[in-house]
Amino acid sequence: MPQRDHQGRREVPEPAGFRPPAHPSSVGAPPSGVLVVHKPAGPTSHDVVQILRRALQTRRVGHTGSLDPMAEGVLVVLVGQALAFQQALQSHRKRYEATIRFGLQTDTGDAWGAPLQTAEVPPLDDDRVRGALRSLIGAREQTPPAFSAVKHRGRPLYWWARRGIRVDAPARRIEITEAELVERAPDAIRCTIACSSGTYIRGLAETIAQQLGTCGHLSRLVRLSVGSWRLEQAWPLEQLRAQPADALRALQPLDEHADLARA
């Protein structure tokens, strides 16, 4: 039977690792701290920030690294005084579960884009796929996708791409520390990838497809962790939207010594 509070309302269990705010009884104090959110596929990271600004009744809300609209998973949100550490926290490593579908390339590199080309998918086996994944390990240069939020002349690359204007963005140095096969189908794989901040998994999906002699796109992406903040600790966005009091309860104090070292 679900647990009920003294007014008969159903109690929603807190995510694993939940710590209550340092001073939950402080009345009138502006909200401040870290909120680990489970972003669903659909909304942008900015949409999440706007939802939480309304729920917490403050403009001082930001995140430590965006997720594409089609992606879901951990979005670390900073509130109030915690925003002072936004830049430092953006460098934390990320870990993802990615599903890559072969045989179709899209203009955005994911399932929401328009088809660009198709190709035959050669017979795949676990050893061949694992070899392609292992080839990613280490440091490399990666050019940001045309449909990304990287700025060029003050506007994101996707603004230029939507107008048919090609922009040659400079490559960035990234590092992959994990690329493991989880599951394989005849025309798709599911894998885990751990990487440095600023890595585009969509770009890696296309690279893996090329290694296997075909083309491909990212069909699903789940961010499993940011530093040591894990998906199991995250609060569902819809719960925070529907129950603003839960957004206040979910705020955790930022320990600048421990949390800045979470990478």
Foldseek 3Di string as FASTA:
>chain_A
DFDADPVRHGDDDAFPPFDFAPCLPDPPDQFWFKAKAWAAAADWQVVLQVLLCVLRVHNFKDWQAIDPNRATATIIMTGDPRVVCNPLLNFFKWKKKFKKFFFWAFLQQEPPGHTDGGDDQDFDDPVLLVVLQVVQAFKDWDFDRQCDQDDDPRGGSNVCVVVVHDDRGGIDIKGWHDWAWDDDDRGMTIIMTMITRPDDVSRVSQSSNVSRPTGIGTYYMYTQDGLPRGRSNHDYSVVCSVNSVVSNRSGYHDPPVVSSPSD
